[in-house]
Amino acid sequence: EPGEGQVLLKVRAASVNFPDALLCRGQYQVRPPLPFTPGVEICA
């Protein structure tokens, strides 16, 4: 559900970035609450 100022997007393609691996490892500067869905950039 989109929050304030957010939009829902239908993902067409998600590019895999090294930060996605760092997110999984808990080593990225941003640490989203668990559980989370990785994938930092998309075309949608």
All heavy atoms as atom14 arrays in JSON, in Angstrom:
{
  "sequence": "EPGEGQVLLKVRAASVNFPDALLCRGQYQVRPPLPFTPGVEICA",
  "atom14_mask": [
    [1, 1, 1, 1, 1, 1, 1, 1, 1, 0, 0, 0, 0, 0],
    [1, 1, 1, 1, 1, 1, 1, 0, 0, 0, 0, 0, 0, 0],
    [1, 1, 1, 1, 0, 0, 0, 0, 0, 0, 0, 0, 0, 0],
    [1, 1, 1, 1, 1, 1, 1, 1, 1, 0, 0, 0, 0, 0],
    [1, 1, 1, 1, 0, 0, 0, 0, 0, 0, 0, 0, 0, 0],
    [1, 1, 1, 1, 1, 1, 1, 1, 1, 0, 0, 0, 0, 0],
    [1, 1, 1, 1, 1, 1, 1, 0, 0, 0, 0, 0, 0, 0],
    [1, 1, 1, 1, 1, 1, 1, 1, 0, 0, 0, 0, 0, 0],
    [1, 1, 1, 1, 1, 1, 1, 1, 0, 0, 0, 0, 0, 0],
    [1, 1, 1, 1, 1, 1, 1, 1, 1, 0, 0, 0, 0, 0],
    [1, 1, 1, 1, 1, 1, 1, 0, 0, 0, 0, 0, 0, 0],
    [1, 1, 1, 1, 1, 1, 1, 1, 1, 1, 1, 0, 0, 0],
    [1, 1, 1, 1, 1, 0, 0, 0, 0, 0, 0, 0, 0, 0],
    [1, 1, 1, 1, 1, 0, 0, 0, 0, 0, 0, 0, 0, 0],
    [1, 1, 1, 1, 1, 1, 0, 0, 0, 0, 0, 0, 0, 0],
    [1, 1, 1, 1, 1, 1, 1, 0, 0, 0, 0, 0, 0, 0],
    [1, 1, 1, 1, 1, 1, 1, 1, 0, 0, 0, 0, 0, 0],
    [1, 1, 1, 1, 1, 1, 1, 1, 1, 1, 1, 0, 0, 0],
    [1, 1, 1, 1, 1, 1, 1, 0, 0, 0, 0, 0, 0, 0],
    [1, 1, 1, 1, 1, 1, 1, 1, 0, 0, 0, 0, 0, 0],
    [1, 1, 1, 1, 1, 0, 0, 0, 0, 0, 0, 0, 0, 0],
    [1, 1, 1, 1, 1, 1, 1, 1, 0, 0, 0, 0, 0, 0],
    [1, 1, 1, 1, 1, 1, 1, 1, 0, 0, 0, 0, 0, 0],
    [1, 1, 1, 1, 1, 1, 0, 0, 0, 0, 0, 0, 0, 0],
    [1, 1, 1, 1, 1, 1, 1, 1, 1, 1, 1, 0, 0, 0],
    [1, 1, 1, 1, 0, 0, 0, 0, 0, 0, 0, 0, 0, 0],
    [1, 1, 1, 1, 1, 1, 1, 1, 1, 0, 0, 0, 0, 0],
    [1, 1, 1, 1, 1, 1, 1, 1, 1, 1, 1, 1, 0, 0],
    [1, 1, 1, 1, 1, 1, 1, 1, 1, 0, 0, 0, 0, 0],
    [1, 1, 1, 1, 1, 1, 1, 0, 0, 0, 0, 0, 0, 0],
    [1, 1, 1, 1, 1, 1, 1, 1, 1, 1, 1, 0, 0, 0],
    [1, 1, 1, 1, 1, 1, 1, 0, 0, 0, 0, 0, 0, 0],
    [1, 1, 1, 1, 1, 1, 1, 0, 0, 0, 0, 0, 0, 0],
    [1, 1, 1, 1, 1, 1, 1, 1, 0, 0, 0, 0, 0, 0],
    [1, 1, 1, 1, 1, 1, 1, 0, 0, 0, 0, 0, 0, 0],
    [1, 1, 1, 1, 1, 1, 1, 1, 1, 1, 1, 0, 0, 0],
    [1, 1, 1, 1, 1, 1, 1, 0, 0, 0, 0, 0, 0, 0],
    [1, 1, 1, 1, 1, 1, 1, 0, 0, 0, 0, 0, 0, 0],
    [1, 1, 1, 1, 0, 0, 0, 0, 0, 0, 0, 0, 0, 0],
    [1, 1, 1, 1, 1, 1, 1, 0, 0, 0, 0, 0, 0, 0],
    [1, 1, 1, 1, 1, 1, 1, 1, 1, 0, 0, 0, 0, 0],
    [1, 1, 1, 1, 1, 1, 1, 1, 0, 0, 0, 0, 0, 0],
    [1, 1, 1, 1, 1, 1, 0, 0, 0, 0, 0, 0, 0, 0],
    [1, 1, 1, 1, 1, 0, 0, 0, 0, 0, 0, 0, 0, 0]
  ],
  "atom14_positions": [
    [[0.85, -1.2, 0.0], [0.0, 0.0, 0.0], [0.88, 1.24, 0.0], [1.72, 1.43, 0.87], [-0.89, 0.01, 1.26], [-2.03, -0.98, 1.23], [-3.17, -0.52, 0.31], [-3.25, 0.7, 0.05], [-3.94, -1.38, -0.14], [0.0, 0.0, 0.0], [0.0, 0.0, 0.0], [0.0, 0.0, 0.0], [0.0, 0.0, 0.0], [0.0, 0.0, 0.0]],
    [[0.7, 2.12, -0.98], [1.51, 3.35, -1.01], [1.26, 4.22, 0.21], [0.13, 4.37, 0.66], [1.04, 4.05, -2.29], [0.38, 2.99, -3.11], [-0.22, 2.03, -2.12], [0.0, 0.0, 0.0], [0.0, 0.0, 0.0], [0.0, 0.0, 0.0], [0.0, 0.0, 0.0], [0.0, 0.0, 0.0], [0.0, 0.0, 0.0], [0.0, 0.0, 0.0]],
    [[2.35, 4.78, 0.74], [2.24, 5.75, 1.81], [2.12, 7.15, 1.25], [1.94, 7.35, 0.05], [0.0, 0.0, 0.0], [0.0, 0.0, 0.0], [0.0, 0.0, 0.0], [0.0, 0.0, 0.0], [0.0, 0.0, 0.0], [0.0, 0.0, 0.0], [0.0, 0.0, 0.0], [0.0, 0.0, 0.0], [0.0, 0.0, 0.0], [0.0, 0.0, 0.0]],
    [[2.23, 8.12, 2.12], [2.14, 9.51, 1.71], [3.22, 9.84, 0.68], [4.41, 9.62, 0.92], [2.3, 10.44, 2.93], [2.15, 11.92, 2.62], [0.71, 12.3, 2.26], [-0.23, 11.61, 2.74], [0.54, 13.3, 1.53], [0.0, 0.0, 0.0], [0.0, 0.0, 0.0], [0.0, 0.0, 0.0], [0.0, 0.0, 0.0], [0.0, 0.0, 0.0]],
    [[2.81, 10.34, -0.48], [3.75, 10.73, -1.51], [4.32, 9.57, -2.32], [5.21, 9.78, -3.14], [0.0, 0.0, 0.0], [0.0, 0.0, 0.0], [0.0, 0.0, 0.0], [0.0, 0.0, 0.0], [0.0, 0.0, 0.0], [0.0, 0.0, 0.0], [0.0, 0.0, 0.0], [0.0, 0.0, 0.0], [0.0, 0.0, 0.0], [0.0, 0.0, 0.0]],
    [[3.79, 8.36, -2.1], [4.29, 7.19, -2.81], [3.31, 6.72, -3.88], [2.13, 7.09, -3.85], [4.55, 6.04, -1.83], [5.68, 6.3, -0.85], [5.93, 5.1, 0.05], [5.03, 4.3, 0.32], [7.17, 4.96, 0.52], [0.0, 0.0, 0.0], [0.0, 0.0, 0.0], [0.0, 0.0, 0.0], [0.0, 0.0, 0.0], [0.0, 0.0, 0.0]],
    [[3.83, 5.89, -4.79], [2.99, 5.31, -5.83], [3.29, 3.82, -5.95], [4.4, 3.35, -5.65], [3.23, 5.98, -7.2], [2.71, 7.4, -7.21], [4.71, 5.94, -7.58], [0.0, 0.0, 0.0], [0.0, 0.0, 0.0], [0.0, 0.0, 0.0], [0.0, 0.0, 0.0], [0.0, 0.0, 0.0], [0.0, 0.0, 0.0], [0.0, 0.0, 0.0]],
    [[2.25, 3.07, -6.35], [2.4, 1.64, -6.63], [2.79, 1.47, -8.1], [2.17, 2.06, -8.98], [1.09, 0.9, -6.34], [1.09, -0.61, -6.63], [1.97, -1.34, -5.63], [-0.35, -1.15, -6.58], [0.0, 0.0, 0.0], [0.0, 0.0, 0.0], [0.0, 0.0, 0.0], [0.0, 0.0, 0.0], [0.0, 0.0, 0.0], [0.0, 0.0, 0.0]],
    [[3.81, 0.66, -8.35], [4.31, 0.46, -9.7], [4.3, -1.03, -10.07], [4.64, -1.87, -9.24], [5.75, 0.98, -9.82], [5.97, 2.47, -9.54], [7.46, 2.77, -9.49], [5.28, 3.33, -10.59], [0.0, 0.0, 0.0], [0.0, 0.0, 0.0], [0.0, 0.0, 0.0], [0.0, 0.0, 0.0], [0.0, 0.0, 0.0], [0.0, 0.0, 0.0]],
    [[3.95, -1.33, -11.3], [4.04, -2.69, -11.82], [5.44, -2.84, -12.42], [5.81, -2.13, -13.36], [2.98, -2.95, -12.88], [3.0, -4.37, -13.44], [1.86, -4.59, -14.42], [1.92, -5.98, -15.04], [1.83, -7.05, -14.04], [0.0, 0.0, 0.0], [0.0, 0.0, 0.0], [0.0, 0.0, 0.0], [0.0, 0.0, 0.0], [0.0, 0.0, 0.0]],
    [[6.23, -3.74, -11.86], [7.63, -3.88, -12.25], [7.74, -4.53, -13.63], [7.21, -5.61, -13.86], [8.41, -4.71, -11.21], [9.87, -4.87, -11.64], [8.33, -4.06, -9.83], [0.0, 0.0, 0.0], [0.0, 0.0, 0.0], [0.0, 0.0, 0.0], [0.0, 0.0, 0.0], [0.0, 0.0, 0.0], [0.0, 0.0, 0.0], [0.0, 0.0, 0.0]],
    [[8.45, -3.86, -14.52], [8.76, -4.4, -15.84], [10.13, -5.07, -15.84], [10.34, -6.12, -16.45], [8.73, -3.28, -16.89], [7.39, -2.55, -16.99], [7.47, -1.31, -17.85], [7.63, -1.63, -19.26], [6.68, -1.48, -20.18], [5.47, -1.01, -19.81], [6.89, -1.77, -21.43], [0.0, 0.0, 0.0], [0.0, 0.0, 0.0], [0.0, 0.0, 0.0]],
    [[11.09, -4.44, -15.16], [12.45, -4.97, -15.04], [13.1, -4.38, -13.8], [12.9, -3.2, -13.49], [13.28, -4.65, -16.28], [0.0, 0.0, 0.0], [0.0, 0.0, 0.0], [0.0, 0.0, 0.0], [0.0, 0.0, 0.0], [0.0, 0.0, 0.0], [0.0, 0.0, 0.0], [0.0, 0.0, 0.0], [0.0, 0.0, 0.0], [0.0, 0.0, 0.0]],
    [[13.86, -5.2, -13.09], [14.61, -4.75, -11.92], [16.08, -5.08, -12.15], [16.44, -6.23, -12.39], [14.11, -5.43, -10.65], [0.0, 0.0, 0.0], [0.0, 0.0, 0.0], [0.0, 0.0, 0.0], [0.0, 0.0, 0.0], [0.0, 0.0, 0.0], [0.0, 0.0, 0.0], [0.0, 0.0, 0.0], [0.0, 0.0, 0.0], [0.0, 0.0, 0.0]],
    [[16.92, -4.07, -12.1], [18.35, -4.26, -12.29], [18.99, -4.69, -10.97], [18.7, -4.12, -9.91], [18.98, -2.95, -12.78], [20.36, -3.06, -12.91], [0.0, 0.0, 0.0], [0.0, 0.0, 0.0], [0.0, 0.0, 0.0], [0.0, 0.0, 0.0], [0.0, 0.0, 0.0], [0.0, 0.0, 0.0], [0.0, 0.0, 0.0], [0.0, 0.0, 0.0]],
    [[19.84, -5.71, -11.03], [20.5, -6.21, -9.81], [21.76, -5.39, -9.56], [22.64, -5.3, -10.42], [20.85, -7.7, -9.94], [21.47, -8.2, -8.63], [19.61, -8.51, -10.27], [0.0, 0.0, 0.0], [0.0, 0.0, 0.0], [0.0, 0.0, 0.0], [0.0, 0.0, 0.0], [0.0, 0.0, 0.0], [0.0, 0.0, 0.0], [0.0, 0.0, 0.0]],
    [[21.85, -4.8, -8.38], [22.98, -3.98, -7.99], [23.7, -4.6, -6.79], [23.08, -5.34, -6.0], [22.51, -2.57, -7.59], [22.11, -1.73, -8.78], [22.89, -0.94, -9.29], [20.86, -1.89, -9.23], [0.0, 0.0, 0.0], [0.0, 0.0, 0.0], [0.0, 0.0, 0.0], [0.0, 0.0, 0.0], [0.0, 0.0, 0.0], [0.0, 0.0, 0.0]],
    [[24.98, -4.27, -6.63], [25.72, -4.76, -5.48], [25.06, -4.37, -4.15], [25.06, -5.17, -3.2], [27.17, -4.25, -5.53], [28.07, -4.91, -4.53], [28.38, -6.25, -4.61], [28.62, -4.17, -3.48], [29.22, -6.86, -3.68], [29.45, -4.76, -2.55], [29.76, -6.11, -2.65], [0.0, 0.0, 0.0], [0.0, 0.0, 0.0], [0.0, 0.0, 0.0]],
    [[24.46, -3.17, -4.04], [23.75, -2.85, -2.8], [22.64, -3.85, -2.44], [22.31, -4.0, -1.27], [23.19, -1.46, -3.06], [24.19, -0.84, -3.97], [24.61, -1.96, -4.89], [0.0, 0.0, 0.0], [0.0, 0.0, 0.0], [0.0, 0.0, 0.0], [0.0, 0.0, 0.0], [0.0, 0.0, 0.0], [0.0, 0.0, 0.0], [0.0, 0.0, 0.0]],
    [[22.06, -4.53, -3.44], [21.06, -5.55, -3.13], [21.66, -6.68, -2.31], [21.04, -7.2, -1.38], [20.43, -6.11, -4.41], [19.62, -5.07, -5.16], [18.84, -4.35, -4.5], [19.75, -4.98, -6.39], [0.0, 0.0, 0.0], [0.0, 0.0, 0.0], [0.0, 0.0, 0.0], [0.0, 0.0, 0.0], [0.0, 0.0, 0.0], [0.0, 0.0, 0.0]],
    [[22.9, -7.06, -2.65], [23.59, -8.09, -1.88], [23.92, -7.57, -0.48], [23.77, -8.3, 0.52], [24.86, -8.52, -2.6], [0.0, 0.0, 0.0], [0.0, 0.0, 0.0], [0.0, 0.0, 0.0], [0.0, 0.0, 0.0], [0.0, 0.0, 0.0], [0.0, 0.0, 0.0], [0.0, 0.0, 0.0], [0.0, 0.0, 0.0], [0.0, 0.0, 0.0]],
    [[24.36, -6.31, -0.41], [24.68, -5.73, 0.9], [23.43, -5.62, 1.77], [23.5, -5.82, 3.0], [25.31, -4.35, 0.72], [26.68, -4.31, 0.02], [27.17, -2.87, -0.1], [27.69, -5.16, 0.78], [0.0, 0.0, 0.0], [0.0, 0.0, 0.0], [0.0, 0.0, 0.0], [0.0, 0.0, 0.0], [0.0, 0.0, 0.0], [0.0, 0.0, 0.0]],
    [[22.28, -5.31, 1.16], [21.03, -5.27, 1.92], [20.73, -6.64, 2.52], [20.34, -6.74, 3.69], [19.88, -4.84, 1.0], [19.76, -3.35, 0.7], [18.84, -3.12, -0.49], [19.24, -2.59, 1.92], [0.0, 0.0, 0.0], [0.0, 0.0, 0.0], [0.0, 0.0, 0.0], [0.0, 0.0, 0.0], [0.0, 0.0, 0.0], [0.0, 0.0, 0.0]],
    [[20.89, -7.69, 1.71], [20.64, -9.04, 2.22], [21.56, -9.37, 3.38], [21.16, -10.03, 4.35], [20.83, -10.07, 1.11], [19.57, -10.04, -0.19], [0.0, 0.0, 0.0], [0.0, 0.0, 0.0], [0.0, 0.0, 0.0], [0.0, 0.0, 0.0], [0.0, 0.0, 0.0], [0.0, 0.0, 0.0], [0.0, 0.0, 0.0], [0.0, 0.0, 0.0]],
    [[22.81, -8.9, 3.3], [23.8, -9.19, 4.34], [23.66, -8.28, 5.56], [24.35, -8.47, 6.57], [25.21, -9.04, 3.76], [25.58, -10.08, 2.71], [26.86, -9.68, 2.0], [27.34, -10.71, 1.09], [28.28, -10.51, 0.17], [28.83, -9.3, 0.05], [28.66, -11.5, -0.61], [0.0, 0.0, 0.0], [0.0, 0.0, 0.0], [0.0, 0.0, 0.0]],
    [[22.83, -7.25, 5.46], [22.71, -6.29, 6.55], [23.89, -5.35, 6.63], [24.18, -4.79, 7.7], [0.0, 0.0, 0.0], [0.0, 0.0, 0.0], [0.0, 0.0, 0.0], [0.0, 0.0, 0.0], [0.0, 0.0, 0.0], [0.0, 0.0, 0.0], [0.0, 0.0, 0.0], [0.0, 0.0, 0.0], [0.0, 0.0, 0.0], [0.0, 0.0, 0.0]],
    [[24.59, -5.15, 5.49], [25.81, -4.35, 5.48], [25.65, -3.03, 4.72], [26.62, -2.3, 4.57], [26.95, -5.16, 4.85], [27.32, -6.4, 5.63], [28.34, -7.26, 4.91], [28.64, -7.07, 3.73], [28.89, -8.23, 5.61], [0.0, 0.0, 0.0], [0.0, 0.0, 0.0], [0.0, 0.0, 0.0], [0.0, 0.0, 0.0], [0.0, 0.0, 0.0]],
    [[24.44, -2.73, 4.27], [24.24, -1.5, 3.52], [23.95, -0.35, 4.49], [23.53, -0.58, 5.63], [23.09, -1.66, 2.53], [23.03, -0.61, 1.45], [24.16, -0.33, 0.68], [21.87, 0.11, 1.21], [24.11, 0.63, -0.32], [21.81, 1.07, 0.2], [22.94, 1.33, -0.55], [22.89, 2.28, -1.54], [0.0, 0.0, 0.0], [0.0, 0.0, 0.0]],
    [[24.2, 0.91, 4.03], [23.98, 2.05, 4.93], [22.51, 2.23, 5.28], [22.17, 2.83, 6.3], [24.54, 3.34, 4.32], [24.0, 3.72, 2.95], [24.99, 3.4, 1.85], [25.64, 2.37, 1.88], [25.12, 4.3, 0.89], [0.0, 0.0, 0.0], [0.0, 0.0, 0.0], [0.0, 0.0, 0.0], [0.0, 0.0, 0.0], [0.0, 0.0, 0.0]],
    [[21.63, 1.7, 4.41], [20.19, 1.7, 4.71], [19.81, 0.3, 5.16], [20.14, -0.68, 4.49], [19.37, 2.1, 3.46], [17.88, 1.99, 3.74], [19.74, 3.51, 3.02], [0.0, 0.0, 0.0], [0.0, 0.0, 0.0], [0.0, 0.0, 0.0], [0.0, 0.0, 0.0], [0.0, 0.0, 0.0], [0.0, 0.0, 0.0], [0.0, 0.0, 0.0]],
    [[19.12, 0.19, 6.28], [18.72, -1.13, 6.79], [17.21, -1.16, 6.97], [16.69, -0.77, 8.02], [19.43, -1.44, 8.11], [20.94, -1.49, 7.96], [21.63, -2.13, 9.14], [23.06, -2.2, 8.93], [23.9, -2.83, 9.76], [23.43, -3.42, 10.85], [25.19, -2.87, 9.5], [0.0, 0.0, 0.0], [0.0, 0.0, 0.0], [0.0, 0.0, 0.0]],
    [[16.5, -1.61, 5.93], [15.03, -1.64, 6.02], [14.57, -2.66, 7.05], [15.29, -3.63, 7.35], [14.61, -2.05, 4.61], [15.78, -2.77, 4.05], [16.99, -2.13, 4.65], [0.0, 0.0, 0.0], [0.0, 0.0, 0.0], [0.0, 0.0, 0.0], [0.0, 0.0, 0.0], [0.0, 0.0, 0.0], [0.0, 0.0, 0.0], [0.0, 0.0, 0.0]],
    [[13.38, -2.46, 7.6], [12.87, -3.43, 8.59], [12.61, -4.78, 7.94], [12.23, -4.87, 6.77], [11.57, -2.78, 9.07], [11.16, -1.87, 7.94], [12.42, -1.36, 7.34], [0.0, 0.0, 0.0], [0.0, 0.0, 0.0], [0.0, 0.0, 0.0], [0.0, 0.0, 0.0], [0.0, 0.0, 0.0], [0.0, 0.0, 0.0], [0.0, 0.0, 0.0]],
    [[12.82, -5.83, 8.7], [12.54, -7.19, 8.23], [11.06, -7.5, 8.4], [10.45, -7.06, 9.37], [13.39, -8.19, 9.03], [14.91, -8.05, 8.9], [15.61, -8.92, 9.93], [15.38, -8.43, 7.5], [0.0, 0.0, 0.0], [0.0, 0.0, 0.0], [0.0, 0.0, 0.0], [0.0, 0.0, 0.0], [0.0, 0.0, 0.0], [0.0, 0.0, 0.0]],
    [[10.48, -8.27, 7.48], [11.07, -8.71, 6.2], [10.98, -7.59, 5.17], [10.1, -6.75, 5.23], [10.17, -9.88, 5.81], [8.83, -9.54, 6.39], [9.11, -8.82, 7.68], [0.0, 0.0, 0.0], [0.0, 0.0, 0.0], [0.0, 0.0, 0.0], [0.0, 0.0, 0.0], [0.0, 0.0, 0.0], [0.0, 0.0, 0.0], [0.0, 0.0, 0.0]],
    [[11.91, -7.61, 4.22], [11.89, -6.62, 3.15], [12.13, -7.3, 1.81], [12.61, -8.43, 1.74], [12.95, -5.53, 3.39], [14.38, -6.02, 3.29], [15.04, -6.08, 2.06], [15.07, -6.4, 4.43], [16.34, -6.53, 1.98], [16.38, -6.86, 4.36], [17.02, -6.92, 3.12], [0.0, 0.0, 0.0], [0.0, 0.0, 0.0], [0.0, 0.0, 0.0]],
    [[11.79, -6.58, 0.75], [12.03, -7.04, -0.61], [13.19, -6.24, -1.18], [13.08, -5.02, -1.3], [10.79, -6.86, -1.49], [9.73, -7.67, -0.99], [11.08, -7.27, -2.94], [0.0, 0.0, 0.0], [0.0, 0.0, 0.0], [0.0, 0.0, 0.0], [0.0, 0.0, 0.0], [0.0, 0.0, 0.0], [0.0, 0.0, 0.0], [0.0, 0.0, 0.0]],
    [[14.32, -6.88, -1.54], [15.41, -6.13, -2.17], [15.06, -5.76, -3.61], [14.0, -6.13, -4.12], [16.59, -7.11, -2.1], [15.98, -8.46, -2.01], [14.63, -8.3, -1.35], [0.0, 0.0, 0.0], [0.0, 0.0, 0.0], [0.0, 0.0, 0.0], [0.0, 0.0, 0.0], [0.0, 0.0, 0.0], [0.0, 0.0, 0.0], [0.0, 0.0, 0.0]],
    [[15.97, -5.05, -4.25], [15.74, -4.56, -5.61], [15.65, -3.06, -5.56], [14.57, -2.5, -5.35], [0.0, 0.0, 0.0], [0.0, 0.0, 0.0], [0.0, 0.0, 0.0], [0.0, 0.0, 0.0], [0.0, 0.0, 0.0], [0.0, 0.0, 0.0], [0.0, 0.0, 0.0], [0.0, 0.0, 0.0], [0.0, 0.0, 0.0], [0.0, 0.0, 0.0]],
    [[16.78, -2.36, -5.78], [16.81, -0.92, -5.54], [16.45, -0.07, -6.75], [16.12, 1.1, -6.6], [18.19, -0.48, -4.98], [18.44, -1.08, -3.62], [19.32, -0.85, -5.95], [0.0, 0.0, 0.0], [0.0, 0.0, 0.0], [0.0, 0.0, 0.0], [0.0, 0.0, 0.0], [0.0, 0.0, 0.0], [0.0, 0.0, 0.0], [0.0, 0.0, 0.0]],
    [[16.5, -0.64, -7.98], [16.15, 0.19, -9.14], [15.35, -0.62, -10.16], [15.63, -1.78, -10.39], [17.38, 0.82, -9.79], [18.28, -0.13, -10.52], [19.41, 0.57, -11.28], [19.3, 1.79, -11.57], [20.41, -0.1, -11.59], [0.0, 0.0, 0.0], [0.0, 0.0, 0.0], [0.0, 0.0, 0.0], [0.0, 0.0, 0.0], [0.0, 0.0, 0.0]],
    [[14.37, 0.06, -10.75], [13.45, -0.64, -11.65], [13.05, 0.24, -12.83], [13.14, 1.46, -12.79], [12.16, -1.07, -10.91], [11.43, 0.14, -10.32], [12.46, -2.11, -9.85], [10.07, -0.19, -9.7], [0.0, 0.0, 0.0], [0.0, 0.0, 0.0], [0.0, 0.0, 0.0], [0.0, 0.0, 0.0], [0.0, 0.0, 0.0], [0.0, 0.0, 0.0]],
    [[12.57, -0.44, -13.88], [11.76, 0.17, -14.91], [10.36, -0.39, -14.68], [10.2, -1.6, -14.45], [12.27, -0.21, -16.29], [11.23, 0.37, -17.65], [0.0, 0.0, 0.0], [0.0, 0.0, 0.0], [0.0, 0.0, 0.0], [0.0, 0.0, 0.0], [0.0, 0.0, 0.0], [0.0, 0.0, 0.0], [0.0, 0.0, 0.0], [0.0, 0.0, 0.0]],
    [[9.35, 0.47, -14.69], [8.02, 0.02, -14.28], [6.94, 0.8, -15.02], [7.2, 1.81, -15.68], [7.86, 0.2, -12.77], [0.0, 0.0, 0.0], [0.0, 0.0, 0.0], [0.0, 0.0, 0.0], [0.0, 0.0, 0.0], [0.0, 0.0, 0.0], [0.0, 0.0, 0.0], [0.0, 0.0, 0.0], [0.0, 0.0, 0.0], [0.0, 0.0, 0.0]]
  ]
}
